[in-house]
Amino acid sequence: MQIGYCTNVHAGVGLEQTQANLSQHAVEVKRLVSPDAPMPVGLWLSNATAAELMQAERLPQFAAWLADEGLLPYTLNGFPYGDFHQPVVKHRVYEPTWSEPARLQYTLSLIDILHRLLPAGAVGSISTLPIQWGSPRPEESVLQAAAENLRAVADRLARLELETGRFICLCIEPEPGCFVQRTSDMIAWFEDYVLPGSNEEIVRRYLQVCHDVCHAAVMFEPQADVLRQYQAAGIGVGKVQVSSAVRAPLADRNDDERTATLDQLRSFAEDRYLHQTVVAAAGARVERFFEDLPLALAESERGELLDAEWRIHFHVPIYLERFGRLQATREQIEQCLAAARQHAAVEHYEVETYAWGVLPDALKQPTLAAGIAAELNWFRELAGRMNP
């Protein structure tokens, strides 16, 4: 099992800024977490950074610098293509879609980069977006183009392993509100679009799933059910993103407590990222989906959604259990680890709390590195207890 953290928490549009932020933050995290041994890191490289690394000599220099600093790449986050720390990201993070050539070319570049960064004999993984945003539903031709591009990636990965012995898998990451947002969506995506007309053995080996614990929690999908369904469908889980969502259990609270809870929740309605919100009313069989937290808050001001539990796609530090009147879905991380032992041979775990910069001040640590180190130490201790 390899455990690292995702560097999409750092800004970095180009190579210079990416390396500067790794030097400022990741090197300090390593000092706090793994002073005497290399520390795995899940790199996020924007398209602009990837393009720079494909230039002559840039990649060997970057690889040598990482090695000198004791930072060991093992996985890449290929989801955000552009500036993930611009003032407003929101729906832009889903662009370009998997039907567009730019997404394919970016991913092929990441494959080349990861292959050259990995140590000899090591396997790699790359996570990517779940096709595109889900509303309105994409045209059939768009979905077919996306499937064709993903099959092209699988073919490239198969050639890479045949020619070099290097195994890398591309891992599609379901996310609330996207075309693939639930486990059933992922299974249908494979069975209805990617597998027909393909070399099934190649597709199943090189196209897998990135399971984000927070995303499943927001969708009210039990972690064990998710991994069990993928196993039954013959879809591999190449990577788990270790993350925790915000939970607001309003149903069991009186009016004053509900008001105070919603007041605290408003501090999470920030402008940079999309915070999809799912509300499960007491006794209801169908949850309500809001593509951003302010939309749900506006409805609550009209007296709606109060006899319910809210779950919000806001990645909070994974060691938190409660903060004020709100809770985190921390227990689902332990549930995921337990289920993975039975239903998925997962080797890559990546702590992905990218929202440190937009957290309410009360939840922040003195430094970004201190916060990330606290998360890694918490998860490493948990994994050690559960997988002695």
Protein backbone atom coordinates (compact mmCIF):
# COMPACT_ATOMS: atom_id res chain seq x y z
CA MET A 1 0.00 0.00 0.00
CA GLN A 2 1.31 3.43 -0.96
CA ILE A 3 -0.04 6.47 0.88
CA GLY A 4 0.59 10.03 -0.22
CA TYR A 5 -1.23 13.29 -0.66
CA CYS A 6 -2.47 15.03 -3.79
CA THR A 7 -0.61 18.20 -4.67
CA ASN A 8 -3.65 19.80 -6.30
CA VAL A 9 -3.90 21.54 -2.93
CA HIS A 10 -1.04 23.74 -4.20
CA ALA A 11 -1.42 26.39 -6.86
CA GLY A 12 0.71 25.78 -9.94
CA VAL A 13 -0.23 26.73 -13.49
CA GLY A 14 3.27 26.35 -14.91
CA LEU A 15 6.32 24.24 -14.07
CA GLU A 16 8.15 26.99 -12.20
CA GLN A 17 5.24 27.65 -9.85
CA THR A 18 4.54 23.93 -9.47
CA GLN A 19 8.11 23.19 -8.41
CA ALA A 20 8.25 26.25 -6.14
CA ASN A 21 5.13 25.14 -4.29
CA LEU A 22 6.39 21.58 -3.98
CA SER A 23 9.60 23.01 -2.53
CA GLN A 24 7.69 25.19 -0.09
CA HIS A 25 5.04 22.71 1.02
CA ALA A 26 5.75 19.10 0.00
CA VAL A 27 9.33 19.16 1.22
CA GLU A 28 8.13 20.41 4.60
CA VAL A 29 5.40 17.75 4.72
CA LYS A 30 8.07 15.11 4.10
CA ARG A 31 10.18 16.50 6.95
CA LEU A 32 7.19 16.19 9.28
CA VAL A 33 5.92 12.80 8.08
CA SER A 34 8.82 10.85 6.61
CA PRO A 35 12.15 12.48 7.48
CA ASP A 36 14.25 9.37 6.91
CA ALA A 37 12.63 7.79 3.84
CA PRO A 38 11.19 8.94 0.51
CA MET A 39 7.58 10.10 0.75
CA PRO A 40 5.01 9.18 -1.91
CA VAL A 41 3.32 12.16 -3.55
CA GLY A 42 0.35 12.28 -5.89
CA LEU A 43 1.29 14.97 -8.36
CA TRP A 44 -1.13 17.35 -10.03
CA LEU A 45 0.39 18.75 -13.21
CA SER A 46 -1.75 21.19 -15.18
CA ASN A 47 -1.83 20.96 -18.96
CA ALA A 48 0.57 23.90 -19.19
CA THR A 49 2.98 22.21 -16.78
CA ALA A 50 2.73 18.92 -18.65
CA ALA A 51 3.51 20.70 -21.93
CA GLU A 52 6.63 22.24 -20.38
CA LEU A 53 7.77 18.87 -19.06
CA MET A 54 7.49 17.36 -22.53
CA GLN A 55 10.17 19.78 -23.74
CA ALA A 56 13.76 18.59 -24.03
CA GLU A 57 15.56 18.03 -20.72
CA ARG A 58 12.80 19.50 -18.55
CA LEU A 59 11.42 16.15 -17.40
CA PRO A 60 14.80 14.58 -16.47
CA GLN A 61 15.63 17.73 -14.49
CA PHE A 62 12.29 17.61 -12.68
CA ALA A 63 12.68 13.90 -11.95
CA ALA A 64 16.16 14.46 -10.55
CA TRP A 65 14.92 17.29 -8.34
CA LEU A 66 12.08 15.15 -6.96
CA ALA A 67 14.54 12.35 -6.20
CA ASP A 68 16.94 14.74 -4.48
CA GLU A 69 14.11 15.99 -2.26
CA GLY A 70 12.92 12.47 -1.44
CA LEU A 71 9.54 12.93 -3.15
CA LEU A 72 8.34 9.73 -4.80
CA PRO A 73 5.64 10.11 -7.48
CA TYR A 74 3.30 7.12 -7.70
CA THR A 75 0.05 8.57 -9.02
CA LEU A 76 -1.11 11.64 -10.93
CA ASN A 77 -4.32 13.63 -10.66
CA GLY A 78 -5.31 14.21 -14.27
CA PHE A 79 -8.73 15.71 -13.46
CA PRO A 80 -8.06 19.50 -13.32
CA TYR A 81 -6.70 20.59 -16.71
CA GLY A 82 -6.22 24.32 -16.15
CA ASP A 83 -5.75 26.68 -13.21
CA PHE A 84 -7.32 24.87 -10.25
CA HIS A 85 -6.70 27.85 -7.96
CA GLN A 86 -8.11 30.72 -10.02
CA PRO A 87 -10.64 32.88 -8.13
CA VAL A 88 -13.62 31.01 -9.63
CA VAL A 89 -13.26 27.39 -10.78
CA LYS A 90 -16.78 25.91 -10.36
CA HIS A 91 -17.84 24.07 -13.58
CA ARG A 92 -14.59 24.90 -15.38
CA VAL A 93 -12.91 21.95 -13.68
CA TYR A 94 -14.90 19.63 -15.98
CA GLU A 95 -13.37 21.16 -19.12
CA PRO A 96 -12.22 19.92 -21.53
CA THR A 97 -14.55 16.92 -21.54
CA TRP A 98 -13.58 13.40 -22.54
CA SER A 99 -15.13 13.90 -25.96
CA GLU A 100 -12.60 16.65 -26.77
CA PRO A 101 -9.15 16.00 -28.29
CA ALA A 102 -7.50 18.29 -25.72
CA ARG A 103 -8.48 15.95 -22.86
CA LEU A 104 -7.08 12.95 -24.72
CA GLN A 105 -3.80 14.69 -25.55
CA TYR A 106 -3.36 15.94 -21.98
CA THR A 107 -3.87 12.43 -20.62
CA LEU A 108 -1.44 10.89 -23.12
CA SER A 109 1.16 13.44 -22.01
CA LEU A 110 0.56 12.52 -18.37
CA ILE A 111 1.12 8.85 -19.22
CA ASP A 112 4.51 9.64 -20.77
CA ILE A 113 5.46 11.84 -17.82
CA LEU A 114 4.44 9.35 -15.14
CA HIS A 115 6.23 6.51 -16.92
CA ARG A 116 9.46 8.49 -16.84
CA LEU A 117 9.01 9.63 -13.23
CA LEU A 118 8.24 6.21 -11.76
CA PRO A 119 11.04 4.04 -10.39
CA ALA A 120 11.90 0.89 -12.31
CA GLY A 121 9.31 -1.83 -11.72
CA ALA A 122 6.77 0.48 -10.08
CA VAL A 123 3.14 0.66 -11.20
CA GLY A 124 1.31 3.94 -11.69
CA SER A 125 -2.21 5.35 -11.74
CA ILE A 126 -3.80 8.48 -13.16
CA SER A 127 -7.22 9.72 -12.07
CA THR A 128 -9.47 11.59 -14.47
CA LEU A 129 -12.86 13.24 -14.70
CA PRO A 130 -16.11 11.25 -15.11
CA ILE A 131 -16.65 12.19 -18.76
CA GLN A 132 -18.19 15.65 -18.20
CA TRP A 133 -20.77 17.57 -16.19
CA GLY A 134 -24.07 15.71 -16.33
CA SER A 135 -26.67 18.38 -17.08
CA PRO A 136 -27.95 18.66 -19.72
CA ARG A 137 -27.38 15.06 -20.73
CA PRO A 138 -24.71 14.89 -23.44
CA GLU A 139 -25.70 14.00 -27.00
CA GLU A 140 -25.16 10.36 -27.96
CA SER A 141 -22.43 11.33 -30.44
CA VAL A 142 -20.57 13.12 -27.64
CA LEU A 143 -20.70 10.05 -25.41
CA GLN A 144 -19.50 7.80 -28.22
CA ALA A 145 -16.58 10.17 -28.87
CA ALA A 146 -15.67 10.09 -25.18
CA ALA A 147 -15.74 6.29 -25.14
CA GLU A 148 -13.54 6.18 -28.24
CA ASN A 149 -10.99 8.49 -26.62
CA LEU A 150 -10.90 6.36 -23.48
CA ARG A 151 -10.37 3.22 -25.56
CA ALA A 152 -7.47 5.03 -27.26
CA VAL A 153 -5.91 5.62 -23.84
CA ALA A 154 -6.34 1.94 -22.96
CA ASP A 155 -4.60 0.96 -26.20
CA ARG A 156 -1.72 3.35 -25.44
CA LEU A 157 -1.32 1.90 -21.95
CA ALA A 158 -1.34 -1.64 -23.34
CA ARG A 159 1.44 -0.73 -25.80
CA LEU A 160 3.42 0.89 -22.99
CA GLU A 161 3.30 -2.27 -20.89
CA LEU A 162 4.10 -4.48 -23.88
CA GLU A 163 7.10 -2.37 -24.88
CA THR A 164 8.50 -1.45 -21.45
CA GLY A 165 6.88 -3.68 -18.83
CA ARG A 166 5.39 -0.61 -17.13
CA PHE A 167 1.79 -0.92 -15.93
CA ILE A 168 -0.21 2.29 -15.56
CA CYS A 169 -4.01 2.46 -15.29
CA LEU A 170 -6.33 5.36 -16.00
CA CYS A 171 -8.91 5.69 -13.22
CA ILE A 172 -12.25 7.40 -13.85
CA GLU A 173 -13.47 9.28 -10.78
CA PRO A 174 -17.25 9.50 -10.20
CA GLU A 175 -18.36 12.86 -8.86
CA PRO A 176 -21.75 14.23 -7.77
CA GLY A 177 -23.49 16.04 -10.61
CA CYS A 178 -21.31 14.59 -13.35
CA PHE A 179 -22.41 12.22 -16.09
CA VAL A 180 -20.92 9.42 -13.99
CA GLN A 181 -21.88 10.25 -10.42
CA ARG A 182 -22.89 6.91 -8.90
CA THR A 183 -21.54 3.39 -8.98
CA SER A 184 -24.43 2.31 -11.19
CA ASP A 185 -23.50 5.09 -13.65
CA MET A 186 -19.94 3.82 -13.86
CA ILE A 187 -21.01 0.24 -14.49
CA ALA A 188 -23.46 1.41 -17.16
CA TRP A 189 -20.75 3.57 -18.74
CA PHE A 190 -18.48 0.56 -19.14
CA GLU A 191 -21.20 -1.83 -20.29
CA ASP A 192 -23.06 0.52 -22.63
CA TYR A 193 -20.27 2.63 -24.11
CA VAL A 194 -16.68 1.57 -23.46
CA LEU A 195 -16.79 -2.22 -23.69
CA PRO A 196 -18.94 -2.71 -26.84
CA GLY A 197 -16.68 -3.12 -29.85
CA SER A 198 -13.52 -3.04 -27.74
CA ASN A 199 -10.84 -5.48 -26.74
CA GLU A 200 -12.48 -6.25 -23.39
CA GLU A 201 -9.32 -7.58 -21.78
CA ILE A 202 -7.44 -4.36 -22.56
CA VAL A 203 -10.27 -2.10 -21.41
CA ARG A 204 -10.74 -3.90 -18.10
CA ARG A 205 -7.01 -3.95 -17.36
CA TYR A 206 -6.13 -0.35 -18.16
CA LEU A 207 -9.37 1.55 -17.49
CA GLN A 208 -10.32 1.39 -13.84
CA VAL A 209 -12.00 3.51 -11.16
CA CYS A 210 -10.72 6.17 -8.82
CA HIS A 211 -12.96 5.83 -5.77
CA ASP A 212 -13.30 9.11 -3.90
CA VAL A 213 -14.59 8.42 -0.38
CA CYS A 214 -16.13 11.89 -0.04
CA HIS A 215 -18.00 11.64 -3.35
CA ALA A 216 -19.64 8.34 -2.44
CA ALA A 217 -20.56 9.71 0.98
CA VAL A 218 -22.21 12.79 -0.55
CA MET A 219 -24.31 10.51 -2.77
CA PHE A 220 -25.34 8.42 0.28
CA GLU A 221 -23.67 5.34 -1.23
CA PRO A 222 -22.28 2.95 1.43
CA GLN A 223 -18.57 2.38 0.84
CA ALA A 224 -18.81 -1.42 0.99
CA ASP A 225 -21.71 -1.44 -1.48
CA VAL A 226 -19.68 0.61 -3.96
CA LEU A 227 -16.64 -1.65 -3.89
CA ARG A 228 -18.77 -4.79 -3.91
CA GLN A 229 -20.61 -3.62 -7.03
CA TYR A 230 -17.39 -2.84 -8.88
CA GLN A 231 -16.02 -6.26 -8.00
CA ALA A 232 -19.19 -7.97 -9.26
CA ALA A 233 -19.02 -5.97 -12.51
CA GLY A 234 -15.37 -6.85 -13.11
CA ILE A 235 -14.23 -3.22 -12.88
CA GLY A 236 -10.98 -2.61 -11.02
CA VAL A 237 -10.35 0.12 -8.47
CA GLY A 238 -6.90 1.45 -9.23
CA LYS A 239 -6.86 4.27 -6.74
CA VAL A 240 -8.71 5.56 -3.68
CA GLN A 241 -8.84 9.25 -2.89
CA VAL A 242 -9.08 9.57 0.86
CA SER A 243 -11.41 12.46 1.60
CA SER A 244 -14.21 13.55 3.89
CA ALA A 245 -17.42 15.50 3.27
CA VAL A 246 -19.41 17.91 5.44
CA ARG A 247 -22.54 16.50 7.07
CA ALA A 248 -25.37 18.57 8.56
CA PRO A 249 -27.89 16.31 10.37
CA LEU A 250 -30.82 18.70 10.70
CA ALA A 251 -33.59 16.13 11.14
CA ASP A 252 -32.84 15.36 14.79
CA ARG A 253 -32.45 19.00 15.90
CA ASN A 254 -34.86 21.62 17.21
CA ASP A 255 -35.52 24.92 15.45
CA ASP A 256 -32.80 26.89 17.25
CA GLU A 257 -30.22 24.17 16.63
CA ARG A 258 -31.17 23.99 12.96
CA THR A 259 -30.78 27.74 12.60
CA ALA A 260 -27.34 27.65 14.23
CA THR A 261 -26.28 24.71 12.07
CA LEU A 262 -27.32 26.45 8.86
CA ASP A 263 -25.56 29.63 9.98
CA GLN A 264 -22.32 27.68 10.36
CA LEU A 265 -22.90 25.94 7.04
CA ARG A 266 -23.02 29.31 5.26
CA SER A 267 -19.31 29.74 6.01
CA PHE A 268 -18.68 26.86 3.57
CA ALA A 269 -20.50 28.56 0.68
CA GLU A 270 -17.40 30.02 -0.97
CA ASP A 271 -16.86 31.22 -4.53
CA ARG A 272 -13.99 29.12 -5.91
CA TYR A 273 -15.22 25.53 -6.00
CA LEU A 274 -18.51 23.83 -6.68
CA HIS A 275 -19.95 22.32 -3.49
CA GLN A 276 -22.60 19.90 -4.67
CA THR A 277 -25.15 19.19 -1.95
CA VAL A 278 -27.41 16.18 -1.52
CA VAL A 279 -30.32 16.32 0.92
CA ALA A 280 -32.02 13.18 2.21
CA ALA A 281 -35.30 14.01 3.91
CA ALA A 282 -36.41 11.85 6.82
CA GLY A 283 -38.44 8.98 5.43
CA ALA A 284 -37.87 9.97 1.80
CA ARG A 285 -36.74 7.33 -0.68
CA VAL A 286 -35.13 9.77 -3.12
CA GLU A 287 -32.50 12.38 -2.28
CA ARG A 288 -32.57 15.91 -3.68
CA PHE A 289 -29.52 17.16 -5.53
CA PHE A 290 -28.31 20.77 -5.65
CA GLU A 291 -25.34 21.58 -7.84
CA ASP A 292 -23.99 24.11 -5.33
CA LEU A 293 -24.46 24.74 -1.61
CA PRO A 294 -25.96 28.26 -1.94
CA LEU A 295 -28.90 26.81 -3.89
CA ALA A 296 -29.77 24.47 -1.02
CA LEU A 297 -29.28 27.23 1.55
CA ALA A 298 -31.66 29.48 -0.38
CA GLU A 299 -34.36 26.82 -0.27
CA SER A 300 -33.83 26.29 3.46
CA GLU A 301 -34.55 29.99 4.00
CA ARG A 302 -38.07 29.27 2.73
CA GLY A 303 -38.51 26.63 5.42
CA GLU A 304 -37.69 23.68 3.16
CA LEU A 305 -35.16 20.84 3.62
CA LEU A 306 -35.09 21.13 7.40
CA ASP A 307 -36.29 17.64 8.35
CA ALA A 308 -33.33 16.09 6.57
CA GLU A 309 -29.64 15.26 6.51
CA TRP A 310 -27.42 17.33 4.23
CA ARG A 311 -24.14 16.14 2.77
CA ILE A 312 -21.90 18.65 1.06
CA HIS A 313 -19.04 18.10 -1.38
CA PHE A 314 -16.50 20.13 0.54
CA HIS A 315 -13.28 18.25 1.26
CA VAL A 316 -12.50 18.90 4.92
CA PRO A 317 -9.41 17.64 6.79
CA ILE A 318 -9.79 13.89 7.11
CA TYR A 319 -8.97 13.74 10.83
CA LEU A 320 -11.97 15.92 11.74
CA GLU A 321 -15.05 14.25 13.17
CA ARG A 322 -17.05 17.23 14.43
CA PHE A 323 -16.57 20.97 14.14
CA GLY A 324 -19.09 23.19 15.82
CA ARG A 325 -22.57 21.96 14.92
CA LEU A 326 -21.39 20.20 11.78
CA GLN A 327 -19.93 16.76 11.31
CA ALA A 328 -17.62 15.11 8.80
CA THR A 329 -18.04 11.74 7.10
CA ARG A 330 -14.75 10.56 8.60
CA GLU A 331 -16.11 7.15 9.59
CA GLN A 332 -16.55 6.33 5.92
CA ILE A 333 -12.79 6.35 5.41
CA GLU A 334 -12.49 3.46 7.86
CA GLN A 335 -15.45 1.74 6.19
CA CYS A 336 -13.74 2.09 2.81
CA LEU A 337 -10.49 0.60 4.10
CA ALA A 338 -12.33 -2.34 5.61
CA ALA A 339 -14.30 -2.96 2.41
CA ALA A 340 -11.22 -2.68 0.20
CA ARG A 341 -9.65 -5.60 2.03
CA GLN A 342 -12.55 -7.78 0.84
CA HIS A 343 -13.59 -6.35 -2.50
CA ALA A 344 -10.70 -4.46 -4.11
CA ALA A 345 -6.94 -4.92 -4.38
CA VAL A 346 -6.16 -1.23 -3.97
CA GLU A 347 -2.50 -0.24 -3.68
CA HIS A 348 -2.72 3.53 -4.20
CA TYR A 349 -4.29 5.73 -1.53
CA GLU A 350 -4.13 9.49 -1.96
CA VAL A 351 -5.26 12.00 0.65
CA GLU A 352 -7.04 14.70 -1.36
CA THR A 353 -8.10 17.66 0.73
CA TYR A 354 -7.68 20.28 -1.97
CA ALA A 355 -9.84 22.87 -0.18
CA TRP A 356 -7.42 23.92 2.58
CA GLY A 357 -7.18 27.39 1.01
CA VAL A 358 -10.94 28.03 1.22
CA LEU A 359 -11.66 26.39 4.59
CA PRO A 360 -13.20 28.52 7.33
CA ASP A 361 -10.31 29.94 9.36
CA ALA A 362 -11.27 27.98 12.48
CA LEU A 363 -10.42 24.70 10.74
CA LYS A 364 -7.04 25.72 9.34
CA GLN A 365 -3.66 24.72 10.75
CA PRO A 366 -0.78 27.19 11.33
CA THR A 367 0.71 26.16 7.99
CA LEU A 368 -0.52 24.18 4.99
CA ALA A 369 2.26 21.64 5.50
CA ALA A 370 1.25 21.11 9.13
CA GLY A 371 -2.33 20.40 8.08
CA ILE A 372 -1.36 17.95 5.36
CA ALA A 373 1.10 16.21 7.68
CA ALA A 374 -1.62 15.82 10.33
CA GLU A 375 -3.87 14.21 7.73
CA LEU A 376 -1.19 11.82 6.50
CA ASN A 377 -0.20 10.80 10.02
CA TRP A 378 -3.84 10.18 10.94
CA PHE A 379 -4.48 8.03 7.87
CA ARG A 380 -1.20 6.13 8.12
CA GLU A 381 -2.00 5.24 11.72
CA LEU A 382 -5.51 4.11 10.73
CA ALA A 383 -4.23 2.03 7.82
CA GLY A 384 -1.58 0.48 10.05
CA ARG A 385 -4.19 -0.58 12.59
CA MET A 386 -6.51 -2.03 9.97
CA ASN A 387 -3.82 -3.67 7.84
CA PRO A 388 -1.20 -4.83 10.35
